[in-house]
């Protein structure tokens, strides 16, 4: 993985949300679709358990 040099620039914890967004957008469309599908299935199963 190539480093951009700005990783870890903010150490106060506010970069946590941005890190999740960066990781999500770094995934290709297939992995995004898989993760989204698994999340929907998990939410459905959790709803059925109630």
PDB file of N, CA and C in Angstrom:
ATOM      1  N   UNK A   1       0.843  -1.173   0.000  1.00  0.00           N
ATOM      2  CA  UNK A   1       0.000   0.000   0.000  1.00  0.00           C
ATOM      3  C   UNK A   1       0.890   1.237   0.000  1.00  0.00           C
ATOM      4  N   UNK A   2       0.614   2.153  -0.854  1.00  0.00           N
ATOM      5  CA  UNK A   2       1.408   3.370  -0.961  1.00  0.00           C
ATOM      6  C   UNK A   2       1.008   4.361   0.123  1.00  0.00           C
ATOM      7  N   UNK A   3       1.984   5.022   0.684  1.00  0.00           N
ATOM      8  CA  UNK A   3       1.732   6.017   1.715  1.00  0.00           C
ATOM      9  C   UNK A   3       1.666   7.396   1.081  1.00  0.00           C
ATOM     10  N   UNK A   4       0.687   8.176   1.533  1.00  0.00           N
ATOM     11  CA  UNK A   4       0.554   9.540   1.006  1.00  0.00           C
ATOM     12  C   UNK A   4       1.299  10.546   1.859  1.00  0.00           C
ATOM     13  N   UNK A   5       1.783  10.112   2.995  1.00  0.00           N
ATOM     14  CA  UNK A   5       2.535  11.008   3.859  1.00  0.00           C
ATOM     15  C   UNK A   5       1.686  11.747   4.859  1.00  0.00           C
ATOM     16  N   UNK A   6       0.358  11.735   4.716  1.00  0.00           N
ATOM     17  CA  UNK A   6      -0.492  12.455   5.661  1.00  0.00           C
ATOM     18  C   UNK A   6      -1.219  11.503   6.603  1.00  0.00           C
ATOM     19  N   UNK A   7      -0.830  10.263   6.606  1.00  0.00           N
ATOM     20  CA  UNK A   7      -1.474   9.303   7.508  1.00  0.00           C
ATOM     21  C   UNK A   7      -1.039   9.601   8.928  1.00  0.00           C
ATOM     22  N   UNK A   8      -2.012   9.618   9.816  1.00  0.00           N
ATOM     23  CA  UNK A   8      -1.717   9.890  11.218  1.00  0.00           C
ATOM     24  C   UNK A   8      -1.448  11.355  11.491  1.00  0.00           C
ATOM     25  N   UNK A   9      -1.827  12.219  10.586  1.00  0.00           N
ATOM     26  CA  UNK A   9      -1.570  13.640  10.780  1.00  0.00           C
ATOM     27  C   UNK A   9      -2.378  14.194  11.939  1.00  0.00           C
ATOM     28  N   UNK A  10      -3.594  13.700  12.129  1.00  0.00           N
ATOM     29  CA  UNK A  10      -4.424  14.143  13.242  1.00  0.00           C
ATOM     30  C   UNK A  10      -4.466  13.033  14.278  1.00  0.00           C
ATOM     31  N   UNK A  11      -3.936  13.314  15.448  1.00  0.00           N
ATOM     32  CA  UNK A  11      -3.879  12.285  16.473  1.00  0.00           C
ATOM     33  C   UNK A  11      -4.869  12.546  17.602  1.00  0.00           C
ATOM     34  N   UNK A  12      -5.773  13.499  17.429  1.00  0.00           N
ATOM     35  CA  UNK A  12      -6.724  13.825  18.487  1.00  0.00           C
ATOM     36  C   UNK A  12      -7.976  12.960  18.434  1.00  0.00           C
ATOM     37  N   UNK A  13      -8.046  12.006  17.516  1.00  0.00           N
ATOM     38  CA  UNK A  13      -9.182  11.119  17.434  1.00  0.00           C
ATOM     39  C   UNK A  13     -10.252  11.574  16.472  1.00  0.00           C
ATOM     40  N   UNK A  14     -10.191  12.804  15.985  1.00  0.00           N
ATOM     41  CA  UNK A  14     -11.223  13.286  15.076  1.00  0.00           C
ATOM     42  C   UNK A  14     -11.082  12.685  13.688  1.00  0.00           C
ATOM     43  N   UNK A  15      -9.948  12.085  13.386  1.00  0.00           N
ATOM     44  CA  UNK A  15      -9.731  11.478  12.073  1.00  0.00           C
ATOM     45  C   UNK A  15     -10.328  10.078  12.014  1.00  0.00           C
ATOM     46  N   UNK A  16     -10.920   9.596  13.091  1.00  0.00           N
ATOM     47  CA  UNK A  16     -11.490   8.250  13.108  1.00  0.00           C
ATOM     48  C   UNK A  16     -12.589   8.061  12.094  1.00  0.00           C
ATOM     49  N   UNK A  17     -13.520   9.011  12.021  1.00  0.00           N
ATOM     50  CA  UNK A  17     -14.605   8.913  11.053  1.00  0.00           C
ATOM     51  C   UNK A  17     -14.083   9.046   9.629  1.00  0.00           C
ATOM     52  N   UNK A  18     -13.145   9.943   9.419  1.00  0.00           N
ATOM     53  CA  UNK A  18     -12.580  10.124   8.085  1.00  0.00           C
ATOM     54  C   UNK A  18     -11.840   8.869   7.652  1.00  0.00           C
ATOM     55  N   UNK A  19     -11.210   8.175   8.605  1.00  0.00           N
ATOM     56  CA  UNK A  19     -10.507   6.946   8.279  1.00  0.00           C
ATOM     57  C   UNK A  19     -11.458   5.873   7.788  1.00  0.00           C
ATOM     58  N   UNK A  20     -12.631   5.790   8.391  1.00  0.00           N
ATOM     59  CA  UNK A  20     -13.630   4.813   7.963  1.00  0.00           C
ATOM     60  C   UNK A  20     -14.111   5.143   6.557  1.00  0.00           C
ATOM     61  N   UNK A  21     -14.350   6.417   6.292  1.00  0.00           N
ATOM     62  CA  UNK A  21     -14.795   6.835   4.965  1.00  0.00           C
ATOM     63  C   UNK A  21     -13.716   6.548   3.933  1.00  0.00           C
ATOM     64  N   UNK A  22     -12.467   6.850   4.272  1.00  0.00           N
ATOM     65  CA  UNK A  22     -11.370   6.597   3.340  1.00  0.00           C
ATOM     66  C   UNK A  22     -11.237   5.107   3.056  1.00  0.00           C
ATOM     67  N   UNK A  23     -11.383   4.290   4.078  1.00  0.00           N
ATOM     68  CA  UNK A  23     -11.289   2.844   3.875  1.00  0.00           C
ATOM     69  C   UNK A  23     -12.443   2.343   3.022  1.00  0.00           C
ATOM     70  N   UNK A  24     -13.651   2.892   3.263  1.00  0.00           N
ATOM     71  CA  UNK A  24     -14.820   2.452   2.491  1.00  0.00           C
ATOM     72  C   UNK A  24     -14.658   2.817   1.018  1.00  0.00           C
ATOM     73  N   UNK A  25     -14.230   4.048   0.747  1.00  0.00           N
ATOM     74  CA  UNK A  25     -14.091   4.476  -0.642  1.00  0.00           C
ATOM     75  C   UNK A  25     -12.906   3.813  -1.324  1.00  0.00           C
ATOM     76  N   UNK A  26     -11.951   3.310  -0.547  1.00  0.00           N
ATOM     77  CA  UNK A  26     -10.804   2.618  -1.137  1.00  0.00           C
ATOM     78  C   UNK A  26     -11.185   1.224  -1.619  1.00  0.00           C
ATOM     79  N   UNK A  27     -12.269   0.669  -1.092  1.00  0.00           N
ATOM     80  CA  UNK A  27     -12.712  -0.643  -1.538  1.00  0.00           C
ATOM     81  C   UNK A  27     -13.260  -0.555  -2.950  1.00  0.00           C
ATOM     82  N   UNK A  28     -13.060  -1.606  -3.719  1.00  0.00           N
ATOM     83  CA  UNK A  28     -13.668  -1.590  -5.043  1.00  0.00           C
ATOM     84  C   UNK A  28     -15.159  -1.903  -4.913  1.00  0.00           C
ATOM     85  N   UNK A  29     -15.900  -1.727  -5.981  1.00  0.00           N
ATOM     86  CA  UNK A  29     -17.365  -1.821  -5.938  1.00  0.00           C
ATOM     87  C   UNK A  29     -17.845  -3.206  -5.508  1.00  0.00           C
ATOM     88  N   UNK A  30     -17.130  -4.244  -5.878  1.00  0.00           N
ATOM     89  CA  UNK A  30     -17.540  -5.591  -5.503  1.00  0.00           C
ATOM     90  C   UNK A  30     -17.519  -5.804  -3.997  1.00  0.00           C
ATOM     91  N   UNK A  31     -16.456  -5.341  -3.341  1.00  0.00           N
ATOM     92  CA  UNK A  31     -16.364  -5.490  -1.890  1.00  0.00           C
ATOM     93  C   UNK A  31     -17.379  -4.605  -1.184  1.00  0.00           C
ATOM     94  N   UNK A  32     -17.632  -3.410  -1.738  1.00  0.00           N
ATOM     95  CA  UNK A  32     -18.652  -2.545  -1.152  1.00  0.00           C
ATOM     96  C   UNK A  32     -20.019  -3.221  -1.223  1.00  0.00           C
ATOM     97  N   UNK A  33     -20.325  -3.829  -2.365  1.00  0.00           N
ATOM     98  CA  UNK A  33     -21.615  -4.504  -2.523  1.00  0.00           C
ATOM     99  C   UNK A  33     -21.730  -5.676  -1.570  1.00  0.00           C
ATOM    100  N   UNK A  34     -20.653  -6.425  -1.410  1.00  0.00           N
ATOM    101  CA  UNK A  34     -20.666  -7.562  -0.487  1.00  0.00           C
ATOM    102  C   UNK A  34     -20.897  -7.097   0.950  1.00  0.00           C
ATOM    103  N   UNK A  35     -20.163  -6.071   1.369  1.00  0.00           N
ATOM    104  CA  UNK A  35     -20.309  -5.563   2.733  1.00  0.00           C
ATOM    105  C   UNK A  35     -21.716  -5.018   2.971  1.00  0.00           C
ATOM    106  N   UNK A  36     -22.241  -4.291   2.009  1.00  0.00           N
ATOM    107  CA  UNK A  36     -23.588  -3.741   2.142  1.00  0.00           C
ATOM    108  C   UNK A  36     -24.621  -4.859   2.205  1.00  0.00           C
ATOM    109  N   UNK A  37     -24.472  -5.862   1.355  1.00  0.00           N
ATOM    110  CA  UNK A  37     -25.398  -6.993   1.356  1.00  0.00           C
ATOM    111  C   UNK A  37     -25.375  -7.753   2.677  1.00  0.00           C
ATOM    112  N   UNK A  38     -24.171  -7.983   3.198  1.00  0.00           N
ATOM    113  CA  UNK A  38     -24.067  -8.679   4.482  1.00  0.00           C
ATOM    114  C   UNK A  38     -24.679  -7.858   5.614  1.00  0.00           C
ATOM    115  N   UNK A  39     -24.526  -6.545   5.540  1.00  0.00           N
ATOM    116  CA  UNK A  39     -25.135  -5.681   6.549  1.00  0.00           C
ATOM    117  C   UNK A  39     -26.650  -5.732   6.495  1.00  0.00           C
ATOM    118  N   UNK A  40     -27.207  -5.767   5.300  1.00  0.00           N
ATOM    119  CA  UNK A  40     -28.661  -5.856   5.145  1.00  0.00           C
ATOM    120  C   UNK A  40     -29.175  -7.190   5.663  1.00  0.00           C
ATOM    121  N   UNK A  41     -28.468  -8.267   5.342  1.00  0.00           N
ATOM    122  CA  UNK A  41     -28.873  -9.590   5.827  1.00  0.00           C
ATOM    123  C   UNK A  41     -28.799  -9.636   7.346  1.00  0.00           C
ATOM    124  N   UNK A  42     -27.735  -9.082   7.929  1.00  0.00           N
ATOM    125  CA  UNK A  42     -27.602  -9.069   9.388  1.00  0.00           C
ATOM    126  C   UNK A  42     -28.732  -8.273  10.039  1.00  0.00           C
ATOM    127  N   UNK A  43     -29.088  -7.141   9.447  1.00  0.00           N
ATOM    128  CA  UNK A  43     -30.180  -6.336   9.994  1.00  0.00           C
ATOM    129  C   UNK A  43     -31.510  -7.091   9.889  1.00  0.00           C
ATOM    130  N   UNK A  44     -31.699  -7.803   8.797  1.00  0.00           N
ATOM    131  CA  UNK A  44     -32.931  -8.586   8.629  1.00  0.00           C
ATOM    132  C   UNK A  44     -33.011  -9.703   9.674  1.00  0.00           C
ATOM    133  N   UNK A  45     -31.906 -10.404   9.871  1.00  0.00           N
ATOM    134  CA  UNK A  45     -31.871 -11.492  10.859  1.00  0.00           C
ATOM    135  C   UNK A  45     -32.120 -10.937  12.254  1.00  0.00           C
ATOM    136  N   UNK A  46     -31.505  -9.793  12.568  1.00  0.00           N
ATOM    137  CA  UNK A  46     -31.712  -9.179  13.879  1.00  0.00           C
ATOM    138  C   UNK A  46     -33.182  -8.762  14.052  1.00  0.00           C
ATOM    139  N   UNK A  47     -33.791  -8.265  12.994  1.00  0.00           N
ATOM    140  CA  UNK A  47     -35.205  -7.890  13.056  1.00  0.00           C
ATOM    141  C   UNK A  47     -36.100  -9.074  13.237  1.00  0.00           C
ATOM    142  N   UNK A  48     -35.762 -10.195  12.637  1.00  0.00           N
ATOM    143  CA  UNK A  48     -36.578 -11.408  12.781  1.00  0.00           C
ATOM    144  C   UNK A  48     -36.449 -12.008  14.171  1.00  0.00           C
ATOM    145  N   UNK A  49     -35.321 -11.778  14.832  1.00  0.00           N
ATOM    146  CA  UNK A  49     -35.084 -12.339  16.162  1.00  0.00           C
ATOM    147  C   UNK A  49     -35.907 -11.608  17.229  1.00  0.00           C
ATOM    148  N   UNK A  50     -36.377 -10.426  16.938  1.00  0.00           N
ATOM    149  CA  UNK A  50     -37.135  -9.656  17.945  1.00  0.00           C
ATOM    150  C   UNK A  50     -38.557 -10.122  18.071  1.00  0.00           C
TER     151      UNK A  50
END
